[in-house]
Amino acid sequence: MSALLRDHGLLEPSQVEWLWFVYGGIGIGIGIGIGIGIGIGIGIETTLPLMGTFDPVDLTQRIERSQPSGHPDA
């Protein structure tokens, strides 16, 4: 089954999502996508779209650039 999905490009991620956390901080962030994710954090969710294949180094840089400016310790 996975080979069939891979052959049709259906196993490639279309986006990445995460919540920003600050050690010792409190708050609840809720993200709604395919399901619902709940985590303890500062309540800021970041979603980055991905187009086709992606470079892990570039993705890491995009994630670092999306850090909330009001929470430098996130």
C-alpha atoms as a PDB file:
ATOM      1  CA  MET A   1       0.000   0.000   0.000  1.00  0.00           C
ATOM      2  CA  SER A   2       2.742   2.466   0.913  1.00  0.00           C
ATOM      3  CA  ALA A   3       4.498   1.813  -2.420  1.00  0.00           C
ATOM      4  CA  LEU A   4       1.298   2.712  -4.280  1.00  0.00           C
ATOM      5  CA  LEU A   5       0.847   5.903  -2.258  1.00  0.00           C
ATOM      6  CA  ARG A   6       4.521   6.834  -2.741  1.00  0.00           C
ATOM      7  CA  ASP A   7       4.268   6.252  -6.524  1.00  0.00           C
ATOM      8  CA  HIS A   8       1.440   8.796  -6.678  1.00  0.00           C
ATOM      9  CA  GLY A   9       3.201  11.321  -4.436  1.00  0.00           C
ATOM     10  CA  LEU A  10       0.722  10.865  -1.611  1.00  0.00           C
ATOM     11  CA  LEU A  11       3.315  10.269   1.100  1.00  0.00           C
ATOM     12  CA  GLU A  12       5.010  13.629   0.604  1.00  0.00           C
ATOM     13  CA  PRO A  13       4.216  16.150   3.355  1.00  0.00           C
ATOM     14  CA  SER A  14       2.338  19.248   2.216  1.00  0.00           C
ATOM     15  CA  GLN A  15       3.086  21.257   5.369  1.00  0.00           C
ATOM     16  CA  VAL A  16       4.712  21.140   8.785  1.00  0.00           C
ATOM     17  CA  GLU A  17       3.071  22.496  11.932  1.00  0.00           C
ATOM     18  CA  TRP A  18       4.265  22.982  15.495  1.00  0.00           C
ATOM     19  CA  LEU A  19       3.634  24.943  18.669  1.00  0.00           C
ATOM     20  CA  TRP A  20       6.312  27.159  20.214  1.00  0.00           C
ATOM     21  CA  PHE A  21       7.295  26.383  23.794  1.00  0.00           C
ATOM     22  CA  VAL A  22       9.058  28.385  26.501  1.00  0.00           C
ATOM     23  CA  TYR A  23      10.528  26.408  29.390  1.00  0.00           C
ATOM     24  CA  GLY A  24       8.618  27.244  32.533  1.00  0.00           C
ATOM     25  CA  GLY A  25       5.949  29.139  30.592  1.00  0.00           C
ATOM     26  CA  ILE A  26       2.297  28.285  30.798  1.00  0.00           C
ATOM     27  CA  GLY A  27      -0.475  28.496  28.300  1.00  0.00           C
ATOM     28  CA  ILE A  28      -2.358  26.253  25.932  1.00  0.00           C
ATOM     29  CA  GLY A  29      -1.999  26.232  22.192  1.00  0.00           C
ATOM     30  CA  ILE A  30      -4.541  24.447  20.059  1.00  0.00           C
ATOM     31  CA  GLY A  31      -3.930  23.680  16.407  1.00  0.00           C
ATOM     32  CA  ILE A  32      -6.583  22.368  14.068  1.00  0.00           C
ATOM     33  CA  GLY A  33      -5.556  20.528  10.928  1.00  0.00           C
ATOM     34  CA  ILE A  34      -6.421  16.982  10.027  1.00  0.00           C
ATOM     35  CA  GLY A  35      -6.901  16.388  13.751  1.00  0.00           C
ATOM     36  CA  ILE A  36      -6.642  18.481  16.885  1.00  0.00           C
ATOM     37  CA  GLY A  37      -3.337  18.858  18.694  1.00  0.00           C
ATOM     38  CA  ILE A  38      -3.140  20.258  22.203  1.00  0.00           C
ATOM     39  CA  GLY A  39       0.119  21.155  23.912  1.00  0.00           C
ATOM     40  CA  ILE A  40       1.432  23.342  26.678  1.00  0.00           C
ATOM     41  CA  GLY A  41       3.230  26.301  25.140  1.00  0.00           C
ATOM     42  CA  ILE A  42       2.877  29.990  24.453  1.00  0.00           C
ATOM     43  CA  GLY A  43      -0.148  29.495  22.221  1.00  0.00           C
ATOM     44  CA  ILE A  44       1.513  30.282  18.898  1.00  0.00           C
ATOM     45  CA  GLU A  45       1.280  27.713  16.146  1.00  0.00           C
ATOM     46  CA  THR A  46       3.398  27.929  13.022  1.00  0.00           C
ATOM     47  CA  THR A  47       2.465  26.272   9.744  1.00  0.00           C
ATOM     48  CA  LEU A  48       4.903  26.172   6.839  1.00  0.00           C
ATOM     49  CA  PRO A  49       3.717  24.909   3.448  1.00  0.00           C
ATOM     50  CA  LEU A  50       6.004  22.522   1.585  1.00  0.00           C
ATOM     51  CA  MET A  51       6.028  22.178  -2.179  1.00  0.00           C
ATOM     52  CA  GLY A  52       7.348  18.890  -3.554  1.00  0.00           C
ATOM     53  CA  THR A  53      10.617  17.666  -2.131  1.00  0.00           C
ATOM     54  CA  PHE A  54      12.311  19.828   0.473  1.00  0.00           C
ATOM     55  CA  ASP A  55      15.836  20.407   1.671  1.00  0.00           C
ATOM     56  CA  PRO A  56      16.183  19.668   5.425  1.00  0.00           C
ATOM     57  CA  VAL A  57      18.744  22.483   5.847  1.00  0.00           C
ATOM     58  CA  ASP A  58      16.419  24.989   4.154  1.00  0.00           C
ATOM     59  CA  LEU A  59      13.472  23.777   6.240  1.00  0.00           C
ATOM     60  CA  THR A  60      15.501  24.208   9.437  1.00  0.00           C
ATOM     61  CA  GLN A  61      16.331  27.798   8.445  1.00  0.00           C
ATOM     62  CA  ARG A  62      12.672  28.536   7.613  1.00  0.00           C
ATOM     63  CA  ILE A  63      11.621  27.205  11.010  1.00  0.00           C
ATOM     64  CA  GLU A  64      14.239  29.300  12.824  1.00  0.00           C
ATOM     65  CA  ARG A  65      13.124  32.443  10.925  1.00  0.00           C
ATOM     66  CA  SER A  66       9.501  31.849  11.944  1.00  0.00           C
ATOM     67  CA  GLN A  67      10.247  32.024  15.685  1.00  0.00           C
ATOM     68  CA  PRO A  68       7.843  34.473  17.371  1.00  0.00           C
ATOM     69  CA  SER A  69       9.709  37.778  17.793  1.00  0.00           C
ATOM     70  CA  GLY A  70       7.963  38.463  21.096  1.00  0.00           C
ATOM     71  CA  HIS A  71       9.239  35.182  22.541  1.00  0.00           C
ATOM     72  CA  PRO A  72      12.980  34.916  21.822  1.00  0.00           C
ATOM     73  CA  ASP A  73      13.354  31.992  24.241  1.00  0.00           C
ATOM     74  CA  ALA A  74      10.765  29.863  22.398  1.00  0.00           C
END
